[in-house]
Amino acid sequence: MRVCLPQASVCFFSVLCCSFTRVAHGVAKQQHNSQPYTTRNSITFLAKFFKKKGAGIPPKLKSSGNLLPEDLVNDIQILREMLVGRAQIRLQQRHNRLSVELTDLQAGTTVEIKGLSLDSIVIRAEDFKNPLTIFNGSKGERKRADFVIVTNDESERKWIICIETKGGNKTRTEVVQQLKGAYCFVDYCRCIGKSFWEYEEFLDGYQYRFVSVVRLNDPSKRSTENFYYPEKLHDRPEVFLKISRMLSIHFSKLINPQS
């Protein structure tokens, strides 16, 4: 007998699985040749659509007029339609590049990220309140990092950057829990896009980076080193890049701080 679950229930179940998996990985420390947080299929779904007008475009998107050149839609377009306006942070264009100001509303601190590609969206992940109303929080599963950047750069590389900002400093455990929560939020969005927008490869093929920006309320004190490099690539919440006392950061430094 085939059992069919409502689409929303499937997406919620995905979040439960994600939270359990992140906790299990935290116990295991992922120290032995663990795989980076890349999505399951690296083949971009755009290749599946013909350039012919209207080919493969869901009616809802087609009728909205919210289309890319050549009538193709991508992950960024779907996220813009999926998420409410207050969860999307306005981007500023300067010299054919984008920048964004990430403001921690609780701490009252702001950091600017410069050099974003034109095909980008910045999400205030902390506005996702559902975990607060349903999870106990005993393992930190109610936490989320402040921001998520989703972008496709000019080299056709696809990035998801989870960023936690703080005026002062935080324990490593707190930062890891919040970065895990942001990853689970992205996983929930992925399930929503695949189920309701019916794009099987929505948000697949992205490379992840996890970043903590601290001591934003004390930029006047000079530090000999603003980037604290992890021993491994910061593509998992447990191995994050720490940036201190920098009010303006180029996007490329979030990917590779030594670039």
C-alpha atoms as a PDB file:
ATOM      1  CA  MET A   1       0.000   0.000   0.000  1.00  0.00           C
ATOM      2  CA  ARG A   2       1.368   3.393  -0.941  1.00  0.00           C
ATOM      3  CA  VAL A   3       1.122   6.083   1.738  1.00  0.00           C
ATOM      4  CA  CYS A   4       1.046   9.717   0.607  1.00  0.00           C
ATOM      5  CA  LEU A   5       1.813  12.472   3.081  1.00  0.00           C
ATOM      6  CA  PRO A   6       0.766  16.110   2.623  1.00  0.00           C
ATOM      7  CA  GLN A   7       3.611  18.169   1.165  1.00  0.00           C
ATOM      8  CA  ALA A   8       3.885  20.435   4.211  1.00  0.00           C
ATOM      9  CA  SER A   9       4.141  17.388   6.465  1.00  0.00           C
ATOM     10  CA  VAL A  10       6.980  16.014   4.364  1.00  0.00           C
ATOM     11  CA  CYS A  11       8.862  19.324   4.698  1.00  0.00           C
ATOM     12  CA  PHE A  12       8.334  19.422   8.446  1.00  0.00           C
ATOM     13  CA  PHE A  13       9.579  15.839   8.712  1.00  0.00           C
ATOM     14  CA  SER A  14      12.687  16.972   6.800  1.00  0.00           C
ATOM     15  CA  VAL A  15      13.402  19.560   9.504  1.00  0.00           C
ATOM     16  CA  LEU A  16      13.043  16.923  12.229  1.00  0.00           C
ATOM     17  CA  CYS A  17      15.489  14.650  10.387  1.00  0.00           C
ATOM     18  CA  CYS A  18      17.888  17.558   9.872  1.00  0.00           C
ATOM     19  CA  SER A  19      17.878  18.507  13.552  1.00  0.00           C
ATOM     20  CA  PHE A  20      18.443  14.903  14.622  1.00  0.00           C
ATOM     21  CA  THR A  21      21.266  14.468  12.100  1.00  0.00           C
ATOM     22  CA  ARG A  22      23.036  17.667  13.217  1.00  0.00           C
ATOM     23  CA  VAL A  23      22.876  16.549  16.869  1.00  0.00           C
ATOM     24  CA  ALA A  24      24.206  13.107  15.969  1.00  0.00           C
ATOM     25  CA  HIS A  25      27.023  14.632  13.970  1.00  0.00           C
ATOM     26  CA  GLY A  26      27.859  16.893  16.887  1.00  0.00           C
ATOM     27  CA  VAL A  27      28.262  13.865  19.145  1.00  0.00           C
ATOM     28  CA  ALA A  28      30.470  12.103  16.635  1.00  0.00           C
ATOM     29  CA  LYS A  29      32.526  15.329  16.114  1.00  0.00           C
ATOM     30  CA  GLN A  30      32.819  14.407  12.422  1.00  0.00           C
ATOM     31  CA  GLN A  31      36.560  14.066  12.783  1.00  0.00           C
ATOM     32  CA  HIS A  32      37.235  11.162  10.439  1.00  0.00           C
ATOM     33  CA  ASN A  33      37.126  12.191   6.784  1.00  0.00           C
ATOM     34  CA  SER A  34      33.684  13.758   7.138  1.00  0.00           C
ATOM     35  CA  GLN A  35      32.039  15.038   4.015  1.00  0.00           C
ATOM     36  CA  PRO A  36      31.378  18.771   3.560  1.00  0.00           C
ATOM     37  CA  TYR A  37      27.853  20.130   3.624  1.00  0.00           C
ATOM     38  CA  THR A  38      27.324  20.034  -0.114  1.00  0.00           C
ATOM     39  CA  THR A  39      23.926  19.138  -1.471  1.00  0.00           C
ATOM     40  CA  ARG A  40      23.225  15.780  -2.999  1.00  0.00           C
ATOM     41  CA  ASN A  41      23.278  16.641  -6.678  1.00  0.00           C
ATOM     42  CA  SER A  42      25.685  19.149  -8.194  1.00  0.00           C
ATOM     43  CA  ILE A  43      23.967  19.303 -11.575  1.00  0.00           C
ATOM     44  CA  THR A  44      22.150  22.604 -11.928  1.00  0.00           C
ATOM     45  CA  PHE A  45      18.475  22.206 -12.665  1.00  0.00           C
ATOM     46  CA  LEU A  46      18.579  25.094 -15.155  1.00  0.00           C
ATOM     47  CA  ALA A  47      20.111  22.730 -17.717  1.00  0.00           C
ATOM     48  CA  LYS A  48      16.845  20.817 -17.686  1.00  0.00           C
ATOM     49  CA  PHE A  49      14.889  23.690 -19.174  1.00  0.00           C
ATOM     50  CA  PHE A  50      14.894  24.677 -22.798  1.00  0.00           C
ATOM     51  CA  LYS A  51      15.439  28.284 -23.721  1.00  0.00           C
ATOM     52  CA  LYS A  52      12.201  28.217 -25.634  1.00  0.00           C
ATOM     53  CA  LYS A  53       9.717  30.751 -24.217  1.00  0.00           C
ATOM     54  CA  GLY A  54       7.769  29.323 -21.315  1.00  0.00           C
ATOM     55  CA  ALA A  55       9.316  25.865 -21.404  1.00  0.00           C
ATOM     56  CA  GLY A  56       9.119  24.096 -18.046  1.00  0.00           C
ATOM     57  CA  ILE A  57       8.088  27.175 -16.066  1.00  0.00           C
ATOM     58  CA  PRO A  58       5.415  26.641 -13.412  1.00  0.00           C
ATOM     59  CA  PRO A  59       2.232  28.593 -14.277  1.00  0.00           C
ATOM     60  CA  LYS A  60       2.392  30.596 -11.051  1.00  0.00           C
ATOM     61  CA  LEU A  61       5.845  31.928 -11.856  1.00  0.00           C
ATOM     62  CA  LYS A  62       5.045  32.425 -15.524  1.00  0.00           C
ATOM     63  CA  SER A  63       1.966  34.503 -14.807  1.00  0.00           C
ATOM     64  CA  SER A  64       3.785  36.637 -12.235  1.00  0.00           C
ATOM     65  CA  GLY A  65       6.221  37.976 -14.817  1.00  0.00           C
ATOM     66  CA  ASN A  66       9.033  37.373 -12.319  1.00  0.00           C
ATOM     67  CA  LEU A  67      11.342  35.732 -14.845  1.00  0.00           C
ATOM     68  CA  LEU A  68      14.998  35.837 -15.713  1.00  0.00           C
ATOM     69  CA  PRO A  69      16.232  36.672 -19.221  1.00  0.00           C
ATOM     70  CA  GLU A  70      15.248  33.973 -21.714  1.00  0.00           C
ATOM     71  CA  ASP A  71      12.333  33.122 -19.438  1.00  0.00           C
ATOM     72  CA  LEU A  72      14.367  30.893 -17.118  1.00  0.00           C
ATOM     73  CA  VAL A  73      13.941  30.937 -13.373  1.00  0.00           C
ATOM     74  CA  ASN A  74      16.552  29.945 -10.827  1.00  0.00           C
ATOM     75  CA  ASP A  75      16.794  29.275  -7.113  1.00  0.00           C
ATOM     76  CA  ILE A  76      17.144  32.962  -6.251  1.00  0.00           C
ATOM     77  CA  GLN A  77      13.930  33.837  -8.085  1.00  0.00           C
ATOM     78  CA  ILE A  78      12.024  31.116  -6.262  1.00  0.00           C
ATOM     79  CA  LEU A  79      13.368  32.179  -2.856  1.00  0.00           C
ATOM     80  CA  ARG A  80      12.297  35.769  -3.541  1.00  0.00           C
ATOM     81  CA  GLU A  81       8.791  34.568  -4.237  1.00  0.00           C
ATOM     82  CA  MET A  82       8.754  32.066  -1.378  1.00  0.00           C
ATOM     83  CA  LEU A  83       9.915  34.339   1.467  1.00  0.00           C
ATOM     84  CA  VAL A  84       8.051  37.343   2.854  1.00  0.00           C
ATOM     85  CA  GLY A  85       9.583  40.749   2.232  1.00  0.00           C
ATOM     86  CA  ARG A  86      10.630  41.406   5.836  1.00  0.00           C
ATOM     87  CA  ALA A  87      12.796  38.276   5.786  1.00  0.00           C
ATOM     88  CA  GLN A  88      14.741  39.527   2.760  1.00  0.00           C
ATOM     89  CA  ILE A  89      17.400  42.183   3.348  1.00  0.00           C
ATOM     90  CA  ARG A  90      17.634  44.941   0.766  1.00  0.00           C
ATOM     91  CA  LEU A  91      20.767  44.880  -1.369  1.00  0.00           C
ATOM     92  CA  GLN A  92      22.551  48.046  -2.477  1.00  0.00           C
ATOM     93  CA  GLN A  93      24.141  48.291  -5.901  1.00  0.00           C
ATOM     94  CA  ARG A  94      27.497  49.983  -6.337  1.00  0.00           C
ATOM     95  CA  HIS A  95      29.547  49.860  -9.532  1.00  0.00           C
ATOM     96  CA  ASN A  96      27.710  46.822 -10.902  1.00  0.00           C
ATOM     97  CA  ARG A  97      28.266  44.932  -7.649  1.00  0.00           C
ATOM     98  CA  LEU A  98      26.000  44.482  -4.655  1.00  0.00           C
ATOM     99  CA  SER A  99      26.569  45.065  -0.978  1.00  0.00           C
ATOM    100  CA  VAL A 100      24.384  44.437   2.052  1.00  0.00           C
ATOM    101  CA  GLU A 101      24.288  45.657   5.629  1.00  0.00           C
ATOM    102  CA  LEU A 102      23.659  42.911   8.168  1.00  0.00           C
ATOM    103  CA  THR A 103      22.217  44.431  11.325  1.00  0.00           C
ATOM    104  CA  ASP A 104      21.851  42.481  14.546  1.00  0.00           C
ATOM    105  CA  LEU A 105      18.636  43.996  15.892  1.00  0.00           C
ATOM    106  CA  GLN A 106      19.272  42.798  19.440  1.00  0.00           C
ATOM    107  CA  ALA A 107      22.870  43.987  19.716  1.00  0.00           C
ATOM    108  CA  GLY A 108      22.397  47.030  17.462  1.00  0.00           C
ATOM    109  CA  THR A 109      25.532  46.213  15.467  1.00  0.00           C
ATOM    110  CA  THR A 110      26.031  46.228  11.695  1.00  0.00           C
ATOM    111  CA  VAL A 111      28.537  44.616   9.356  1.00  0.00           C
ATOM    112  CA  GLU A 112      28.690  45.330   5.623  1.00  0.00           C
ATOM    113  CA  ILE A 113      29.279  42.530   3.112  1.00  0.00           C
ATOM    114  CA  LYS A 114      30.637  43.875  -0.180  1.00  0.00           C
ATOM    115  CA  GLY A 115      31.142  42.317  -3.594  1.00  0.00           C
ATOM    116  CA  LEU A 116      28.001  40.179  -3.907  1.00  0.00           C
ATOM    117  CA  SER A 117      27.022  39.050  -7.389  1.00  0.00           C
ATOM    118  CA  LEU A 118      23.849  40.396  -8.960  1.00  0.00           C
ATOM    119  CA  ASP A 119      22.202  36.986  -8.574  1.00  0.00           C
ATOM    120  CA  SER A 120      21.987  36.984  -4.771  1.00  0.00           C
ATOM    121  CA  ILE A 121      19.501  36.987  -1.922  1.00  0.00           C
ATOM    122  CA  VAL A 122      20.196  37.688   1.758  1.00  0.00           C
ATOM    123  CA  ILE A 123      17.790  36.164   4.277  1.00  0.00           C
ATOM    124  CA  ARG A 124      17.235  37.097   7.912  1.00  0.00           C
ATOM    125  CA  ALA A 125      17.092  33.489   9.132  1.00  0.00           C
ATOM    126  CA  GLU A 126      16.525  34.518  12.755  1.00  0.00           C
ATOM    127  CA  ASP A 127      12.984  35.543  11.754  1.00  0.00           C
ATOM    128  CA  PHE A 128      12.058  31.873  11.286  1.00  0.00           C
ATOM    129  CA  LYS A 129      10.085  31.408  14.518  1.00  0.00           C
ATOM    130  CA  ASN A 130       8.671  27.894  14.111  1.00  0.00           C
ATOM    131  CA  PRO A 131      11.461  26.136  16.070  1.00  0.00           C
ATOM    132  CA  LEU A 132      10.626  28.315  19.081  1.00  0.00           C
ATOM    133  CA  THR A 133       7.062  27.064  19.190  1.00  0.00           C
ATOM    134  CA  ILE A 134       7.552  23.327  18.739  1.00  0.00           C
ATOM    135  CA  PHE A 135      11.038  22.169  19.843  1.00  0.00           C
ATOM    136  CA  ASN A 136      12.160  21.780  23.474  1.00  0.00           C
ATOM    137  CA  GLY A 137      15.623  23.207  22.819  1.00  0.00           C
ATOM    138  CA  SER A 138      17.497  20.698  24.969  1.00  0.00           C
ATOM    139  CA  LYS A 139      20.166  20.233  22.281  1.00  0.00           C
ATOM    140  CA  GLY A 140      20.133  23.799  20.967  1.00  0.00           C
ATOM    141  CA  GLU A 141      17.796  22.915  18.091  1.00  0.00           C
ATOM    142  CA  ARG A 142      15.776  26.095  18.635  1.00  0.00           C
ATOM    143  CA  LYS A 143      18.730  28.293  17.725  1.00  0.00           C
ATOM    144  CA  ARG A 144      19.492  29.802  14.306  1.00  0.00           C
ATOM    145  CA  ALA A 145      22.238  31.985  12.941  1.00  0.00           C
ATOM    146  CA  ASP A 146      21.256  35.528  12.029  1.00  0.00           C
ATOM    147  CA  PHE A 147      21.708  35.544   8.253  1.00  0.00           C
ATOM    148  CA  VAL A 148      21.932  33.320   5.184  1.00  0.00           C
ATOM    149  CA  ILE A 149      23.373  34.477   1.853  1.00  0.00           C
ATOM    150  CA  VAL A 150      22.439  32.494  -1.263  1.00  0.00           C
ATOM    151  CA  THR A 151      24.284  33.507  -4.401  1.00  0.00           C
ATOM    152  CA  ASN A 152      25.365  32.332  -7.856  1.00  0.00           C
ATOM    153  CA  ASP A 153      28.608  33.996  -8.871  1.00  0.00           C
ATOM    154  CA  GLU A 154      29.914  34.882 -12.325  1.00  0.00           C
ATOM    155  CA  SER A 155      31.926  31.648 -12.476  1.00  0.00           C
ATOM    156  CA  GLU A 156      28.684  29.638 -12.138  1.00  0.00           C
ATOM    157  CA  ARG A 157      29.620  28.557  -8.635  1.00  0.00           C
ATOM    158  CA  LYS A 158      26.744  28.402  -6.169  1.00  0.00           C
ATOM    159  CA  TRP A 159      27.230  29.412  -2.539  1.00  0.00           C
ATOM    160  CA  ILE A 160      25.222  29.368   0.672  1.00  0.00           C
ATOM    161  CA  ILE A 161      26.847  31.311   3.516  1.00  0.00           C
ATOM    162  CA  CYS A 162      25.437  30.989   7.048  1.00  0.00           C
ATOM    163  CA  ILE A 163      26.509  33.943   9.188  1.00  0.00           C
ATOM    164  CA  GLU A 164      26.184  34.564  12.917  1.00  0.00           C
ATOM    165  CA  THR A 165      26.959  38.100  14.114  1.00  0.00           C
ATOM    166  CA  LYS A 166      27.548  39.339  17.641  1.00  0.00           C
ATOM    167  CA  GLY A 167      28.522  42.580  19.291  1.00  0.00           C
ATOM    168  CA  GLY A 168      30.654  40.781  21.877  1.00  0.00           C
ATOM    169  CA  ASN A 169      31.753  37.171  21.880  1.00  0.00           C
ATOM    170  CA  LYS A 170      30.037  33.781  22.182  1.00  0.00           C
ATOM    171  CA  THR A 171      31.045  30.321  23.233  1.00  0.00           C
ATOM    172  CA  ARG A 172      31.949  27.918  20.487  1.00  0.00           C
ATOM    173  CA  THR A 173      29.011  25.667  21.427  1.00  0.00           C
ATOM    174  CA  GLU A 174      26.537  28.518  20.999  1.00  0.00           C
ATOM    175  CA  VAL A 175      27.922  29.467  17.593  1.00  0.00           C
ATOM    176  CA  VAL A 176      27.865  25.865  16.335  1.00  0.00           C
ATOM    177  CA  GLN A 177      24.251  25.425  17.455  1.00  0.00           C
ATOM    178  CA  GLN A 178      23.169  28.605  15.682  1.00  0.00           C
ATOM    179  CA  LEU A 179      24.983  27.700  12.473  1.00  0.00           C
ATOM    180  CA  LYS A 180      23.395  24.239  12.554  1.00  0.00           C
ATOM    181  CA  GLY A 181      19.989  25.885  12.942  1.00  0.00           C
ATOM    182  CA  ALA A 182      20.609  28.059   9.879  1.00  0.00           C
ATOM    183  CA  TYR A 183      21.558  24.977   7.864  1.00  0.00           C
ATOM    184  CA  CYS A 184      18.321  23.282   8.929  1.00  0.00           C
ATOM    185  CA  PHE A 185      16.383  26.400   7.882  1.00  0.00           C
ATOM    186  CA  VAL A 186      17.922  26.180   4.397  1.00  0.00           C
ATOM    187  CA  ASP A 187      17.055  22.478   4.287  1.00  0.00           C
ATOM    188  CA  TYR A 188      13.441  23.347   5.118  1.00  0.00           C
ATOM    189  CA  CYS A 189      13.349  25.924   2.299  1.00  0.00           C
ATOM    190  CA  ARG A 190      14.822  23.302  -0.042  1.00  0.00           C
ATOM    191  CA  CYS A 191      12.032  20.870   0.789  1.00  0.00           C
ATOM    192  CA  ILE A 192       9.371  23.569   0.319  1.00  0.00           C
ATOM    193  CA  GLY A 193      10.780  24.482  -3.106  1.00  0.00           C
ATOM    194  CA  LYS A 194      10.958  20.878  -4.256  1.00  0.00           C
ATOM    195  CA  SER A 195       7.461  20.037  -2.997  1.00  0.00           C
ATOM    196  CA  PHE A 196       5.415  23.152  -3.745  1.00  0.00           C
ATOM    197  CA  TRP A 197       7.382  24.649  -6.669  1.00  0.00           C
ATOM    198  CA  GLU A 198       8.025  21.133  -7.997  1.00  0.00           C
ATOM    199  CA  TYR A 199      11.690  21.741  -8.822  1.00  0.00           C
ATOM    200  CA  GLU A 200      13.446  18.474  -8.012  1.00  0.00           C
ATOM    201  CA  GLU A 201      16.904  20.052  -7.806  1.00  0.00           C
ATOM    202  CA  PHE A 202      15.982  23.251  -5.980  1.00  0.00           C
ATOM    203  CA  LEU A 203      18.960  24.487  -3.913  1.00  0.00           C
ATOM    204  CA  ASP A 204      21.041  21.479  -4.955  1.00  0.00           C
ATOM    205  CA  GLY A 205      24.681  21.803  -5.966  1.00  0.00           C
ATOM    206  CA  TYR A 206      25.588  24.583  -3.511  1.00  0.00           C
ATOM    207  CA  GLN A 207      28.791  24.839  -1.540  1.00  0.00           C
ATOM    208  CA  TYR A 208      28.403  25.902   2.091  1.00  0.00           C
ATOM    209  CA  ARG A 209      30.483  28.213   4.250  1.00  0.00           C
ATOM    210  CA  PHE A 210      29.874  28.903   7.956  1.00  0.00           C
ATOM    211  CA  VAL A 211      31.035  32.187   9.489  1.00  0.00           C
ATOM    212  CA  SER A 212      30.929  33.874  12.901  1.00  0.00           C
ATOM    213  CA  VAL A 213      31.502  37.640  13.030  1.00  0.00           C
ATOM    214  CA  VAL A 214      32.168  38.836  16.591  1.00  0.00           C
ATOM    215  CA  ARG A 215      33.064  41.944  18.598  1.00  0.00           C
ATOM    216  CA  LEU A 216      31.344  44.313  16.198  1.00  0.00           C
ATOM    217  CA  ASN A 217      30.673  46.744  19.041  1.00  0.00           C
ATOM    218  CA  ASP A 218      34.390  47.226  19.636  1.00  0.00           C
ATOM    219  CA  PRO A 219      36.040  47.887  16.252  1.00  0.00           C
ATOM    220  CA  SER A 220      38.314  50.633  17.638  1.00  0.00           C
ATOM    221  CA  LYS A 221      40.596  48.163  19.412  1.00  0.00           C
ATOM    222  CA  ARG A 222      43.240  47.017  16.999  1.00  0.00           C
ATOM    223  CA  SER A 223      43.849  43.330  16.546  1.00  0.00           C
ATOM    224  CA  THR A 224      46.870  41.795  14.880  1.00  0.00           C
ATOM    225  CA  GLU A 225      44.656  39.139  13.311  1.00  0.00           C
ATOM    226  CA  ASN A 226      41.035  39.698  12.284  1.00  0.00           C
ATOM    227  CA  PHE A 227      40.572  36.281  10.659  1.00  0.00           C
ATOM    228  CA  TYR A 228      40.891  33.177  12.809  1.00  0.00           C
ATOM    229  CA  TYR A 229      41.367  30.303  10.403  1.00  0.00           C
ATOM    230  CA  PRO A 230      40.035  26.861  11.247  1.00  0.00           C
ATOM    231  CA  GLU A 231      42.315  23.903  10.637  1.00  0.00           C
ATOM    232  CA  LYS A 232      39.947  22.625   7.938  1.00  0.00           C
ATOM    233  CA  LEU A 233      37.738  24.236   5.315  1.00  0.00           C
ATOM    234  CA  HIS A 234      34.823  26.005   7.047  1.00  0.00           C
ATOM    235  CA  ASP A 235      32.126  24.068   5.184  1.00  0.00           C
ATOM    236  CA  ARG A 236      30.483  22.600   8.296  1.00  0.00           C
ATOM    237  CA  PRO A 237      28.993  24.296  11.359  1.00  0.00           C
ATOM    238  CA  GLU A 238      31.547  22.601  13.597  1.00  0.00           C
ATOM    239  CA  VAL A 239      34.399  24.111  11.554  1.00  0.00           C
ATOM    240  CA  PHE A 240      33.497  27.785  11.138  1.00  0.00           C
ATOM    241  CA  LEU A 241      35.505  30.851  10.164  1.00  0.00           C
ATOM    242  CA  LYS A 242      35.747  33.450  12.925  1.00  0.00           C
ATOM    243  CA  ILE A 243      36.085  37.135  11.993  1.00  0.00           C
ATOM    244  CA  SER A 244      36.645  39.749  14.692  1.00  0.00           C
ATOM    245  CA  ARG A 245      36.219  43.558  14.760  1.00  0.00           C
ATOM    246  CA  MET A 246      35.606  44.042  11.044  1.00  0.00           C
ATOM    247  CA  LEU A 247      32.715  46.303  10.073  1.00  0.00           C
ATOM    248  CA  SER A 248      33.198  45.762   6.322  1.00  0.00           C
ATOM    249  CA  ILE A 249      34.057  42.410   4.706  1.00  0.00           C
ATOM    250  CA  HIS A 250      34.383  41.463   1.040  1.00  0.00           C
ATOM    251  CA  PHE A 251      32.269  38.459   0.066  1.00  0.00           C
ATOM    252  CA  SER A 252      35.295  36.621  -1.325  1.00  0.00           C
ATOM    253  CA  LYS A 253      36.798  36.587   2.184  1.00  0.00           C
ATOM    254  CA  LEU A 254      33.816  34.601   3.434  1.00  0.00           C
ATOM    255  CA  ILE A 255      34.602  31.936   0.847  1.00  0.00           C
ATOM    256  CA  ASN A 256      38.362  31.986   1.198  1.00  0.00           C
ATOM    257  CA  PRO A 257      39.783  34.391   3.813  1.00  0.00           C
ATOM    258  CA  GLN A 258      43.262  34.058   2.302  1.00  0.00           C
ATOM    259  CA  SER A 259      42.149  35.186  -1.150  1.00  0.00           C
END
